[in-house]
PDB file of N, CA and C in Angstrom:
ATOM      1  N   UNK A   1     -12.728   4.178 -20.753  1.00  0.00           N
ATOM      2  CA  UNK A   1     -11.878   4.222 -21.907  1.00  0.00           C
ATOM      3  C   UNK A   1     -12.057   5.563 -22.606  1.00  0.00           C
ATOM      4  N   UNK A   2     -10.964   6.084 -23.162  1.00  0.00           N
ATOM      5  CA  UNK A   2     -10.996   7.393 -23.796  1.00  0.00           C
ATOM      6  C   UNK A   2     -10.358   7.334 -25.177  1.00  0.00           C
ATOM      7  N   UNK A   3     -11.062   7.854 -26.158  1.00  0.00           N
ATOM      8  CA  UNK A   3     -10.512   8.047 -27.489  1.00  0.00           C
ATOM      9  C   UNK A   3      -9.952   9.459 -27.506  1.00  0.00           C
ATOM     10  N   UNK A   4      -8.638   9.575 -27.548  1.00  0.00           N
ATOM     11  CA  UNK A   4      -7.985  10.881 -27.421  1.00  0.00           C
ATOM     12  C   UNK A   4      -7.718  11.444 -28.813  1.00  0.00           C
ATOM     13  N   UNK A   5      -8.206  12.641 -29.049  1.00  0.00           N
ATOM     14  CA  UNK A   5      -8.143  13.286 -30.350  1.00  0.00           C
ATOM     15  C   UNK A   5      -6.751  13.880 -30.615  1.00  0.00           C
ATOM     16  N   UNK A   6      -6.475  14.132 -31.874  1.00  0.00           N
ATOM     17  CA  UNK A   6      -5.191  14.671 -32.332  1.00  0.00           C
ATOM     18  C   UNK A   6      -4.779  15.915 -31.562  1.00  0.00           C
ATOM     19  N   UNK A   7      -5.699  16.862 -31.430  1.00  0.00           N
ATOM     20  CA  UNK A   7      -5.339  18.138 -30.809  1.00  0.00           C
ATOM     21  C   UNK A   7      -4.946  17.992 -29.339  1.00  0.00           C
ATOM     22  N   UNK A   8      -5.455  16.980 -28.677  1.00  0.00           N
ATOM     23  CA  UNK A   8      -5.092  16.759 -27.272  1.00  0.00           C
ATOM     24  C   UNK A   8      -3.637  16.302 -27.191  1.00  0.00           C
ATOM     25  N   UNK A   9      -3.276  15.313 -28.021  1.00  0.00           N
ATOM     26  CA  UNK A   9      -1.884  14.847 -28.038  1.00  0.00           C
ATOM     27  C   UNK A   9      -0.943  15.986 -28.424  1.00  0.00           C
ATOM     28  N   UNK A  10      -1.312  16.755 -29.456  1.00  0.00           N
ATOM     29  CA  UNK A  10      -0.441  17.838 -29.916  1.00  0.00           C
ATOM     30  C   UNK A  10      -0.305  18.941 -28.876  1.00  0.00           C
ATOM     31  N   UNK A  11      -1.348  19.180 -28.110  1.00  0.00           N
ATOM     32  CA  UNK A  11      -1.277  20.177 -27.041  1.00  0.00           C
ATOM     33  C   UNK A  11      -0.099  19.872 -26.116  1.00  0.00           C
ATOM     34  N   UNK A  12       0.049  18.607 -25.776  1.00  0.00           N
ATOM     35  CA  UNK A  12       1.127  18.178 -24.884  1.00  0.00           C
ATOM     36  C   UNK A  12       2.467  18.128 -25.618  1.00  0.00           C
ATOM     37  N   UNK A  13       2.467  17.523 -26.799  1.00  0.00           N
ATOM     38  CA  UNK A  13       3.714  17.363 -27.554  1.00  0.00           C
ATOM     39  C   UNK A  13       4.370  18.694 -27.906  1.00  0.00           C
ATOM     40  N   UNK A  14       3.564  19.694 -28.184  1.00  0.00           N
ATOM     41  CA  UNK A  14       4.084  20.999 -28.589  1.00  0.00           C
ATOM     42  C   UNK A  14       4.117  22.001 -27.439  1.00  0.00           C
ATOM     43  N   UNK A  15       3.855  21.513 -26.229  1.00  0.00           N
ATOM     44  CA  UNK A  15       3.893  22.335 -25.020  1.00  0.00           C
ATOM     45  C   UNK A  15       3.085  23.624 -25.192  1.00  0.00           C
ATOM     46  N   UNK A  16       1.831  23.449 -25.618  1.00  0.00           N
ATOM     47  CA  UNK A  16       0.959  24.595 -25.854  1.00  0.00           C
ATOM     48  C   UNK A  16       0.265  25.027 -24.570  1.00  0.00           C
ATOM     49  N   UNK A  17      -0.634  25.974 -24.699  1.00  0.00           N
ATOM     50  CA  UNK A  17      -1.275  26.636 -23.560  1.00  0.00           C
ATOM     51  C   UNK A  17      -1.887  25.686 -22.528  1.00  0.00           C
ATOM     52  N   UNK A  18      -2.539  24.619 -22.972  1.00  0.00           N
ATOM     53  CA  UNK A  18      -3.213  23.706 -22.045  1.00  0.00           C
ATOM     54  C   UNK A  18      -2.443  22.403 -21.848  1.00  0.00           C
ATOM     55  N   UNK A  19      -1.145  22.449 -22.086  1.00  0.00           N
ATOM     56  CA  UNK A  19      -0.299  21.267 -21.951  1.00  0.00           C
ATOM     57  C   UNK A  19      -0.349  20.661 -20.551  1.00  0.00           C
ATOM     58  N   UNK A  20      -0.381  21.498 -19.542  1.00  0.00           N
ATOM     59  CA  UNK A  20      -0.419  21.000 -18.163  1.00  0.00           C
ATOM     60  C   UNK A  20      -1.714  20.249 -17.868  1.00  0.00           C
ATOM     61  N   UNK A  21      -2.818  20.743 -18.393  1.00  0.00           N
ATOM     62  CA  UNK A  21      -4.108  20.071 -18.197  1.00  0.00           C
ATOM     63  C   UNK A  21      -4.074  18.694 -18.844  1.00  0.00           C
ATOM     64  N   UNK A  22      -3.541  18.629 -20.061  1.00  0.00           N
ATOM     65  CA  UNK A  22      -3.409  17.341 -20.743  1.00  0.00           C
ATOM     66  C   UNK A  22      -2.486  16.423 -19.955  1.00  0.00           C
ATOM     67  N   UNK A  23      -1.396  16.968 -19.453  1.00  0.00           N
ATOM     68  CA  UNK A  23      -0.468  16.177 -18.647  1.00  0.00           C
ATOM     69  C   UNK A  23      -1.137  15.575 -17.423  1.00  0.00           C
ATOM     70  N   UNK A  24      -1.965  16.356 -16.756  1.00  0.00           N
ATOM     71  CA  UNK A  24      -2.690  15.847 -15.585  1.00  0.00           C
ATOM     72  C   UNK A  24      -3.637  14.723 -15.990  1.00  0.00           C
ATOM     73  N   UNK A  25      -4.342  14.923 -17.108  1.00  0.00           N
ATOM     74  CA  UNK A  25      -5.241  13.880 -17.609  1.00  0.00           C
ATOM     75  C   UNK A  25      -4.461  12.595 -17.892  1.00  0.00           C
ATOM     76  N   UNK A  26      -3.334  12.725 -18.567  1.00  0.00           N
ATOM     77  CA  UNK A  26      -2.532  11.547 -18.908  1.00  0.00           C
ATOM     78  C   UNK A  26      -1.921  10.890 -17.672  1.00  0.00           C
ATOM     79  N   UNK A  27      -1.660  11.669 -16.639  1.00  0.00           N
ATOM     80  CA  UNK A  27      -1.149  11.104 -15.387  1.00  0.00           C
ATOM     81  C   UNK A  27      -2.226  10.333 -14.630  1.00  0.00           C
ATOM     82  N   UNK A  28      -3.456  10.815 -14.706  1.00  0.00           N
ATOM     83  CA  UNK A  28      -4.558  10.210 -13.957  1.00  0.00           C
ATOM     84  C   UNK A  28      -5.087   8.948 -14.627  1.00  0.00           C
ATOM     85  N   UNK A  29      -5.218   8.981 -15.942  1.00  0.00           N
ATOM     86  CA  UNK A  29      -5.824   7.872 -16.674  1.00  0.00           C
ATOM     87  C   UNK A  29      -4.735   6.876 -17.095  1.00  0.00           C
ATOM     88  N   UNK A  30      -4.862   5.623 -16.694  1.00  0.00           N
ATOM     89  CA  UNK A  30      -3.878   4.615 -17.103  1.00  0.00           C
ATOM     90  C   UNK A  30      -3.841   4.483 -18.627  1.00  0.00           C
ATOM     91  N   UNK A  31      -2.644   4.301 -19.188  1.00  0.00           N
ATOM     92  CA  UNK A  31      -2.505   4.272 -20.648  1.00  0.00           C
ATOM     93  C   UNK A  31      -3.312   3.160 -21.301  1.00  0.00           C
ATOM     94  N   UNK A  32      -3.570   2.071 -20.582  1.00  0.00           N
ATOM     95  CA  UNK A  32      -4.362   0.981 -21.177  1.00  0.00           C
ATOM     96  C   UNK A  32      -5.829   1.373 -21.367  1.00  0.00           C
ATOM     97  N   UNK A  33      -6.227   2.523 -20.834  1.00  0.00           N
ATOM     98  CA  UNK A  33      -7.596   3.008 -21.032  1.00  0.00           C
ATOM     99  C   UNK A  33      -7.664   4.089 -22.114  1.00  0.00           C
ATOM    100  N   UNK A  34      -6.539   4.333 -22.784  1.00  0.00           N
ATOM    101  CA  UNK A  34      -6.480   5.359 -23.819  1.00  0.00           C
ATOM    102  C   UNK A  34      -6.439   4.725 -25.197  1.00  0.00           C
ATOM    103  N   UNK A  35      -7.097   5.382 -26.140  1.00  0.00           N
ATOM    104  CA  UNK A  35      -7.124   4.940 -27.527  1.00  0.00           C
ATOM    105  C   UNK A  35      -6.773   6.113 -28.423  1.00  0.00           C
ATOM    106  N   UNK A  36      -6.140   5.821 -29.539  1.00  0.00           N
ATOM    107  CA  UNK A  36      -5.861   6.811 -30.568  1.00  0.00           C
ATOM    108  C   UNK A  36      -6.273   6.190 -31.891  1.00  0.00           C
ATOM    109  N   UNK A  37      -6.943   6.961 -32.740  1.00  0.00           N
ATOM    110  CA  UNK A  37      -7.343   6.416 -34.038  1.00  0.00           C
ATOM    111  C   UNK A  37      -6.138   6.410 -34.973  1.00  0.00           C
ATOM    112  N   UNK A  38      -6.188   5.526 -35.955  1.00  0.00           N
ATOM    113  CA  UNK A  38      -5.115   5.489 -36.945  1.00  0.00           C
ATOM    114  C   UNK A  38      -5.020   6.832 -37.668  1.00  0.00           C
ATOM    115  N   UNK A  39      -6.154   7.482 -37.900  1.00  0.00           N
ATOM    116  CA  UNK A  39      -6.158   8.787 -38.549  1.00  0.00           C
ATOM    117  C   UNK A  39      -5.467   9.840 -37.679  1.00  0.00           C
ATOM    118  N   UNK A  40      -5.766   9.850 -36.380  1.00  0.00           N
ATOM    119  CA  UNK A  40      -5.135  10.806 -35.469  1.00  0.00           C
ATOM    120  C   UNK A  40      -3.633  10.568 -35.399  1.00  0.00           C
ATOM    121  N   UNK A  41      -3.226   9.305 -35.310  1.00  0.00           N
ATOM    122  CA  UNK A  41      -1.801   8.972 -35.247  1.00  0.00           C
ATOM    123  C   UNK A  41      -1.092   9.439 -36.518  1.00  0.00           C
ATOM    124  N   UNK A  42      -1.696   9.171 -37.671  1.00  0.00           N
ATOM    125  CA  UNK A  42      -1.120   9.610 -38.937  1.00  0.00           C
ATOM    126  C   UNK A  42      -1.031  11.136 -38.983  1.00  0.00           C
ATOM    127  N   UNK A  43      -2.083  11.816 -38.550  1.00  0.00           N
ATOM    128  CA  UNK A  43      -2.100  13.283 -38.557  1.00  0.00           C
ATOM    129  C   UNK A  43      -0.997  13.861 -37.685  1.00  0.00           C
ATOM    130  N   UNK A  44      -0.810  13.279 -36.520  1.00  0.00           N
ATOM    131  CA  UNK A  44       0.259  13.738 -35.618  1.00  0.00           C
ATOM    132  C   UNK A  44       1.612  13.557 -36.295  1.00  0.00           C
ATOM    133  N   UNK A  45       1.801  12.410 -36.943  1.00  0.00           N
ATOM    134  CA  UNK A  45       3.055  12.160 -37.655  1.00  0.00           C
ATOM    135  C   UNK A  45       3.319  13.186 -38.742  1.00  0.00           C
ATOM    136  N   UNK A  46       2.306  13.493 -39.521  1.00  0.00           N
ATOM    137  CA  UNK A  46       2.441  14.482 -40.600  1.00  0.00           C
ATOM    138  C   UNK A  46       2.784  15.850 -40.019  1.00  0.00           C
ATOM    139  N   UNK A  47       2.062  16.256 -38.993  1.00  0.00           N
ATOM    140  CA  UNK A  47       2.282  17.579 -38.396  1.00  0.00           C
ATOM    141  C   UNK A  47       3.677  17.687 -37.798  1.00  0.00           C
ATOM    142  N   UNK A  48       4.081  16.700 -37.014  1.00  0.00           N
ATOM    143  CA  UNK A  48       5.402  16.769 -36.380  1.00  0.00           C
ATOM    144  C   UNK A  48       6.527  16.745 -37.411  1.00  0.00           C
ATOM    145  N   UNK A  49       6.364  15.965 -38.462  1.00  0.00           N
ATOM    146  CA  UNK A  49       7.388  15.931 -39.513  1.00  0.00           C
ATOM    147  C   UNK A  49       7.459  17.256 -40.261  1.00  0.00           C
ATOM    148  N   UNK A  50       6.317  17.853 -40.534  1.00  0.00           N
ATOM    149  CA  UNK A  50       6.288  19.141 -41.252  1.00  0.00           C
ATOM    150  C   UNK A  50       6.969  20.253 -40.472  1.00  0.00           C
ATOM    151  N   UNK A  51       6.905  20.194 -39.160  1.00  0.00           N
ATOM    152  CA  UNK A  51       7.540  21.258 -38.365  1.00  0.00           C
ATOM    153  C   UNK A  51       8.922  20.836 -37.861  1.00  0.00           C
ATOM    154  N   UNK A  52       9.444  19.752 -38.433  1.00  0.00           N
ATOM    155  CA  UNK A  52      10.814  19.334 -38.121  1.00  0.00           C
ATOM    156  C   UNK A  52      11.005  18.680 -36.772  1.00  0.00           C
ATOM    157  N   UNK A  53       9.978  18.029 -36.252  1.00  0.00           N
ATOM    158  CA  UNK A  53      10.079  17.398 -34.932  1.00  0.00           C
ATOM    159  C   UNK A  53       9.987  15.870 -35.058  1.00  0.00           C
ATOM    160  N   UNK A  54      10.839  15.308 -35.900  1.00  0.00           N
ATOM    161  CA  UNK A  54      10.849  13.852 -36.094  1.00  0.00           C
ATOM    162  C   UNK A  54      11.256  13.124 -34.814  1.00  0.00           C
ATOM    163  N   UNK A  55      12.157  13.715 -34.051  1.00  0.00           N
ATOM    164  CA  UNK A  55      12.551  13.089 -32.783  1.00  0.00           C
ATOM    165  C   UNK A  55      11.373  13.021 -31.819  1.00  0.00           C
ATOM    166  N   UNK A  56      10.550  14.069 -31.810  1.00  0.00           N
ATOM    167  CA  UNK A  56       9.364  14.082 -30.948  1.00  0.00           C
ATOM    168  C   UNK A  56       8.386  12.987 -31.387  1.00  0.00           C
ATOM    169  N   UNK A  57       8.285  12.751 -32.690  1.00  0.00           N
ATOM    170  CA  UNK A  57       7.403  11.687 -33.192  1.00  0.00           C
ATOM    171  C   UNK A  57       7.898  10.326 -32.730  1.00  0.00           C
ATOM    172  N   UNK A  58       9.202  10.098 -32.823  1.00  0.00           N
ATOM    173  CA  UNK A  58       9.762   8.815 -32.365  1.00  0.00           C
ATOM    174  C   UNK A  58       9.516   8.643 -30.876  1.00  0.00           C
ATOM    175  N   UNK A  59       9.756   9.687 -30.087  1.00  0.00           N
ATOM    176  CA  UNK A  59       9.547   9.621 -28.644  1.00  0.00           C
ATOM    177  C   UNK A  59       8.078   9.370 -28.320  1.00  0.00           C
ATOM    178  N   UNK A  60       7.184  10.066 -29.030  1.00  0.00           N
ATOM    179  CA  UNK A  60       5.745   9.889 -28.836  1.00  0.00           C
ATOM    180  C   UNK A  60       5.342   8.452 -29.116  1.00  0.00           C
ATOM    181  N   UNK A  61       5.811   7.917 -30.232  1.00  0.00           N
ATOM    182  CA  UNK A  61       5.495   6.532 -30.606  1.00  0.00           C
ATOM    183  C   UNK A  61       5.990   5.563 -29.539  1.00  0.00           C
ATOM    184  N   UNK A  62       7.215   5.751 -29.091  1.00  0.00           N
ATOM    185  CA  UNK A  62       7.764   4.891 -28.034  1.00  0.00           C
ATOM    186  C   UNK A  62       6.948   5.017 -26.742  1.00  0.00           C
ATOM    187  N   UNK A  63       6.603   6.258 -26.382  1.00  0.00           N
ATOM    188  CA  UNK A  63       5.880   6.497 -25.128  1.00  0.00           C
ATOM    189  C   UNK A  63       4.507   5.849 -25.107  1.00  0.00           C
ATOM    190  N   UNK A  64       3.765   5.962 -26.202  1.00  0.00           N
ATOM    191  CA  UNK A  64       2.384   5.465 -26.149  1.00  0.00           C
ATOM    192  C   UNK A  64       2.256   3.988 -26.502  1.00  0.00           C
ATOM    193  N   UNK A  65       3.147   3.476 -27.352  1.00  0.00           N
ATOM    194  CA  UNK A  65       3.003   2.084 -27.788  1.00  0.00           C
ATOM    195  C   UNK A  65       4.005   1.129 -27.140  1.00  0.00           C
ATOM    196  N   UNK A  66       5.264   1.515 -27.049  1.00  0.00           N
ATOM    197  CA  UNK A  66       6.277   0.618 -26.471  1.00  0.00           C
ATOM    198  C   UNK A  66       6.294   0.683 -24.949  1.00  0.00           C
ATOM    199  N   UNK A  67       6.305   1.895 -24.417  1.00  0.00           N
ATOM    200  CA  UNK A  67       6.377   2.079 -22.966  1.00  0.00           C
ATOM    201  C   UNK A  67       5.001   2.169 -22.318  1.00  0.00           C
ATOM    202  N   UNK A  68       3.999   2.489 -23.095  1.00  0.00           N
ATOM    203  CA  UNK A  68       2.625   2.585 -22.611  1.00  0.00           C
ATOM    204  C   UNK A  68       1.778   1.528 -23.287  1.00  0.00           C
ATOM    205  N   UNK A  69       0.509   1.563 -22.989  1.00  0.00           N
ATOM    206  CA  UNK A  69      -0.404   0.565 -23.549  1.00  0.00           C
ATOM    207  C   UNK A  69      -1.579   1.222 -24.255  1.00  0.00           C
ATOM    208  N   UNK A  70      -1.313   2.345 -24.923  1.00  0.00           N
ATOM    209  CA  UNK A  70      -2.363   3.011 -25.694  1.00  0.00           C
ATOM    210  C   UNK A  70      -2.713   2.120 -26.878  1.00  0.00           C
ATOM    211  N   UNK A  71      -4.004   1.980 -27.148  1.00  0.00           N
ATOM    212  CA  UNK A  71      -4.457   1.125 -28.252  1.00  0.00           C
ATOM    213  C   UNK A  71      -4.701   1.950 -29.504  1.00  0.00           C
ATOM    214  N   UNK A  72      -4.269   1.412 -30.635  1.00  0.00           N
ATOM    215  CA  UNK A  72      -4.482   2.044 -31.928  1.00  0.00           C
ATOM    216  C   UNK A  72      -5.774   1.496 -32.527  1.00  0.00           C
ATOM    217  N   UNK A  73      -6.712   2.390 -32.858  1.00  0.00           N
ATOM    218  CA  UNK A  73      -8.002   1.993 -33.415  1.00  0.00           C
ATOM    219  C   UNK A  73      -8.067   2.293 -34.901  1.00  0.00           C
ATOM    220  N   UNK A  74      -8.574   1.354 -35.644  1.00  0.00           N
ATOM    221  CA  UNK A  74      -8.880   1.580 -37.051  1.00  0.00           C
ATOM    222  C   UNK A  74     -10.349   1.946 -37.134  1.00  0.00           C
ATOM    223  N   UNK A  75     -10.629   3.126 -37.665  1.00  0.00           N
ATOM    224  CA  UNK A  75     -12.012   3.569 -37.766  1.00  0.00           C
ATOM    225  C   UNK A  75     -12.673   2.951 -38.995  1.00  0.00           C
ATOM    226  N   UNK A  76     -13.912   2.585 -38.826  1.00  0.00           N
ATOM    227  CA  UNK A  76     -14.707   2.010 -39.912  1.00  0.00           C
ATOM    228  C   UNK A  76     -15.896   2.940 -40.161  1.00  0.00           C
ATOM    229  N   UNK A  77     -16.606   2.755 -41.271  1.00  0.00           N
ATOM    230  CA  UNK A  77     -17.712   3.675 -41.584  1.00  0.00           C
ATOM    231  C   UNK A  77     -18.725   3.872 -40.456  1.00  0.00           C
ATOM    232  N   UNK A  78     -18.982   2.865 -39.655  1.00  0.00           N
ATOM    233  CA  UNK A  78     -19.936   3.026 -38.557  1.00  0.00           C
ATOM    234  C   UNK A  78     -19.465   4.034 -37.509  1.00  0.00           C
ATOM    235  N   UNK A  79     -18.179   4.319 -37.495  1.00  0.00           N
ATOM    236  CA  UNK A  79     -17.640   5.261 -36.524  1.00  0.00           C
ATOM    237  C   UNK A  79     -17.918   6.711 -36.911  1.00  0.00           C
ATOM    238  N   UNK A  80     -18.662   6.931 -37.981  1.00  0.00           N
ATOM    239  CA  UNK A  80     -19.001   8.280 -38.425  1.00  0.00           C
ATOM    240  C   UNK A  80     -19.732   9.058 -37.331  1.00  0.00           C
ATOM    241  N   UNK A  81     -20.345   8.369 -36.387  1.00  0.00           N
ATOM    242  CA  UNK A  81     -21.036   9.019 -35.282  1.00  0.00           C
ATOM    243  C   UNK A  81     -20.095   9.954 -34.534  1.00  0.00           C
ATOM    244  N   UNK A  82     -18.869   9.522 -34.320  1.00  0.00           N
ATOM    245  CA  UNK A  82     -17.888  10.356 -33.625  1.00  0.00           C
ATOM    246  C   UNK A  82     -17.581  11.592 -34.456  1.00  0.00           C
ATOM    247  N   UNK A  83     -17.335  11.396 -35.745  1.00  0.00           N
ATOM    248  CA  UNK A  83     -16.995  12.515 -36.615  1.00  0.00           C
ATOM    249  C   UNK A  83     -18.162  13.493 -36.680  1.00  0.00           C
ATOM    250  N   UNK A  84     -19.377  12.996 -36.764  1.00  0.00           N
ATOM    251  CA  UNK A  84     -20.565  13.850 -36.809  1.00  0.00           C
ATOM    252  C   UNK A  84     -20.669  14.680 -35.532  1.00  0.00           C
ATOM    253  N   UNK A  85     -20.353  14.088 -34.369  1.00  0.00           N
ATOM    254  CA  UNK A  85     -20.417  14.829 -33.119  1.00  0.00           C
ATOM    255  C   UNK A  85     -19.469  16.023 -33.160  1.00  0.00           C
ATOM    256  N   UNK A  86     -18.231  15.811 -33.627  1.00  0.00           N
ATOM    257  CA  UNK A  86     -17.268  16.909 -33.685  1.00  0.00           C
ATOM    258  C   UNK A  86     -17.693  17.970 -34.690  1.00  0.00           C
ATOM    259  N   UNK A  87     -18.268  17.562 -35.818  1.00  0.00           N
ATOM    260  CA  UNK A  87     -18.765  18.525 -36.800  1.00  0.00           C
ATOM    261  C   UNK A  87     -19.862  19.380 -36.180  1.00  0.00           C
ATOM    262  N   UNK A  88     -20.770  18.765 -35.451  1.00  0.00           N
ATOM    263  CA  UNK A  88     -21.834  19.512 -34.785  1.00  0.00           C
ATOM    264  C   UNK A  88     -21.259  20.459 -33.737  1.00  0.00           C
ATOM    265  N   UNK A  89     -20.256  19.989 -32.988  1.00  0.00           N
ATOM    266  CA  UNK A  89     -19.643  20.827 -31.963  1.00  0.00           C
ATOM    267  C   UNK A  89     -19.020  22.065 -32.592  1.00  0.00           C
ATOM    268  N   UNK A  90     -18.287  21.862 -33.671  1.00  0.00           N
ATOM    269  CA  UNK A  90     -17.609  22.989 -34.321  1.00  0.00           C
ATOM    270  C   UNK A  90     -18.604  23.972 -34.921  1.00  0.00           C
ATOM    271  N   UNK A  91     -19.816  23.527 -35.216  1.00  0.00           N
ATOM    272  CA  UNK A  91     -20.847  24.412 -35.751  1.00  0.00           C
ATOM    273  C   UNK A  91     -21.704  25.007 -34.634  1.00  0.00           C
ATOM    274  N   UNK A  92     -21.290  24.805 -33.393  1.00  0.00           N
ATOM    275  CA  UNK A  92     -22.010  25.384 -32.268  1.00  0.00           C
ATOM    276  C   UNK A  92     -23.194  24.570 -31.799  1.00  0.00           C
ATOM    277  N   UNK A  93     -23.275  23.305 -32.218  1.00  0.00           N
ATOM    278  CA  UNK A  93     -24.383  22.438 -31.796  1.00  0.00           C
ATOM    279  C   UNK A  93     -23.813  21.203 -31.096  1.00  0.00           C
ATOM    280  N   UNK A  94     -23.267  21.376 -29.888  1.00  0.00           N
ATOM    281  CA  UNK A  94     -22.702  20.207 -29.213  1.00  0.00           C
ATOM    282  C   UNK A  94     -23.764  19.147 -28.947  1.00  0.00           C
ATOM    283  N   UNK A  95     -23.381  17.904 -29.113  1.00  0.00           N
ATOM    284  CA  UNK A  95     -24.282  16.777 -28.877  1.00  0.00           C
ATOM    285  C   UNK A  95     -23.548  15.743 -28.044  1.00  0.00           C
ATOM    286  N   UNK A  96     -24.283  15.072 -27.184  1.00  0.00           N
ATOM    287  CA  UNK A  96     -23.693  13.966 -26.428  1.00  0.00           C
ATOM    288  C   UNK A  96     -24.030  12.685 -27.170  1.00  0.00           C
ATOM    289  N   UNK A  97     -23.003  11.876 -27.399  1.00  0.00           N
ATOM    290  CA  UNK A  97     -23.184  10.631 -28.138  1.00  0.00           C
ATOM    291  C   UNK A  97     -22.514   9.500 -27.390  1.00  0.00           C
ATOM    292  N   UNK A  98     -22.836   8.286 -27.754  1.00  0.00           N
ATOM    293  CA  UNK A  98     -22.180   7.107 -27.202  1.00  0.00           C
ATOM    294  C   UNK A  98     -21.327   6.506 -28.310  1.00  0.00           C
ATOM    295  N   UNK A  99     -20.028   6.826 -28.350  1.00  0.00           N
ATOM    296  CA  UNK A  99     -19.167   6.281 -29.389  1.00  0.00           C
ATOM    297  C   UNK A  99     -19.075   4.763 -29.320  1.00  0.00           C
ATOM    298  N   UNK A 100     -18.481   4.190 -30.352  1.00  0.00           N
ATOM    299  CA  UNK A 100     -18.310   2.749 -30.443  1.00  0.00           C
ATOM    300  C   UNK A 100     -17.752   2.186 -29.145  1.00  0.00           C
ATOM    301  N   UNK A 101     -18.287   1.079 -28.713  1.00  0.00           N
ATOM    302  CA  UNK A 101     -17.845   0.375 -27.506  1.00  0.00           C
ATOM    303  C   UNK A 101     -17.988   1.219 -26.236  1.00  0.00           C
ATOM    304  N   UNK A 102     -18.851   2.197 -26.262  1.00  0.00           N
ATOM    305  CA  UNK A 102     -19.137   3.022 -25.084  1.00  0.00           C
ATOM    306  C   UNK A 102     -17.903   3.726 -24.530  1.00  0.00           C
ATOM    307  N   UNK A 103     -16.988   4.109 -25.404  1.00  0.00           N
ATOM    308  CA  UNK A 103     -15.806   4.862 -24.975  1.00  0.00           C
ATOM    309  C   UNK A 103     -16.188   6.318 -24.784  1.00  0.00           C
ATOM    310  N   UNK A 104     -15.544   6.971 -23.852  1.00  0.00           N
ATOM    311  CA  UNK A 104     -15.678   8.416 -23.757  1.00  0.00           C
ATOM    312  C   UNK A 104     -14.725   8.993 -24.792  1.00  0.00           C
ATOM    313  N   UNK A 105     -15.037  10.150 -25.291  1.00  0.00           N
ATOM    314  CA  UNK A 105     -14.210  10.786 -26.304  1.00  0.00           C
ATOM    315  C   UNK A 105     -13.605  12.040 -25.708  1.00  0.00           C
ATOM    316  N   UNK A 106     -12.325  12.224 -25.906  1.00  0.00           N
ATOM    317  CA  UNK A 106     -11.663  13.435 -25.458  1.00  0.00           C
ATOM    318  C   UNK A 106     -11.179  14.147 -26.700  1.00  0.00           C
ATOM    319  N   UNK A 107     -11.682  15.330 -26.912  1.00  0.00           N
ATOM    320  CA  UNK A 107     -11.285  16.102 -28.078  1.00  0.00           C
ATOM    321  C   UNK A 107     -11.831  17.504 -27.944  1.00  0.00           C
ATOM    322  N   UNK A 108     -11.157  18.438 -28.557  1.00  0.00           N
ATOM    323  CA  UNK A 108     -11.558  19.845 -28.493  1.00  0.00           C
ATOM    324  C   UNK A 108     -11.720  20.291 -27.047  1.00  0.00           C
ATOM    325  N   UNK A 109     -10.951  19.657 -26.150  1.00  0.00           N
ATOM    326  CA  UNK A 109     -11.003  20.033 -24.748  1.00  0.00           C
ATOM    327  C   UNK A 109     -12.202  19.508 -23.990  1.00  0.00           C
ATOM    328  N   UNK A 110     -12.975  18.598 -24.602  1.00  0.00           N
ATOM    329  CA  UNK A 110     -14.208  18.112 -23.991  1.00  0.00           C
ATOM    330  C   UNK A 110     -14.216  16.598 -23.889  1.00  0.00           C
ATOM    331  N   UNK A 111     -15.079  16.086 -23.042  1.00  0.00           N
ATOM    332  CA  UNK A 111     -15.347  14.650 -22.990  1.00  0.00           C
ATOM    333  C   UNK A 111     -16.807  14.433 -23.337  1.00  0.00           C
ATOM    334  N   UNK A 112     -17.052  13.579 -24.291  1.00  0.00           N
ATOM    335  CA  UNK A 112     -18.439  13.219 -24.610  1.00  0.00           C
ATOM    336  C   UNK A 112     -18.675  11.841 -24.042  1.00  0.00           C
ATOM    337  N   UNK A 113     -19.553  11.738 -23.090  1.00  0.00           N
ATOM    338  CA  UNK A 113     -19.799  10.457 -22.413  1.00  0.00           C
ATOM    339  C   UNK A 113     -21.152   9.919 -22.819  1.00  0.00           C
ATOM    340  N   UNK A 114     -21.277   8.608 -22.835  1.00  0.00           N
ATOM    341  CA  UNK A 114     -22.574   8.025 -23.159  1.00  0.00           C
ATOM    342  C   UNK A 114     -23.643   8.526 -22.208  1.00  0.00           C
ATOM    343  N   UNK A 115     -24.775   8.847 -22.759  1.00  0.00           N
ATOM    344  CA  UNK A 115     -25.917   9.269 -21.949  1.00  0.00           C
ATOM    345  C   UNK A 115     -26.546   8.038 -21.311  1.00  0.00           C
ATOM    346  N   UNK A 116     -27.037   8.187 -20.121  1.00  0.00           N
ATOM    347  CA  UNK A 116     -27.766   7.084 -19.492  1.00  0.00           C
ATOM    348  C   UNK A 116     -29.239   7.434 -19.505  1.00  0.00           C
ATOM    349  N   UNK A 117     -30.052   6.449 -19.805  1.00  0.00           N
ATOM    350  CA  UNK A 117     -31.495   6.717 -19.902  1.00  0.00           C
ATOM    351  C   UNK A 117     -32.129   6.737 -18.537  1.00  0.00           C
TER     352      UNK A 117
END
């Protein structure tokens, strides 16, 4: 299972530099194994609306929820572990963590997988 971060979805939606890599990832991983947080979904909506791409937002919503089986996650305070990992990464201190329910995290172009002892 993968928690896909805002920037990964936007990379594809806005056809940016690494759009093809994201496309390959989305082709390989079945949509029922993908998750998006409510915060990421809201952020994508705000960004697409601000740049005048409301049609892209509707298509995205249809693609991941109606035509696909991406799950929408509501983050709770215990999920701060994920946010802390990204903060550490952005400060140059990458850490491997085991997010809630042992999901792998895809964000900032990386996957953080649970460590095995």
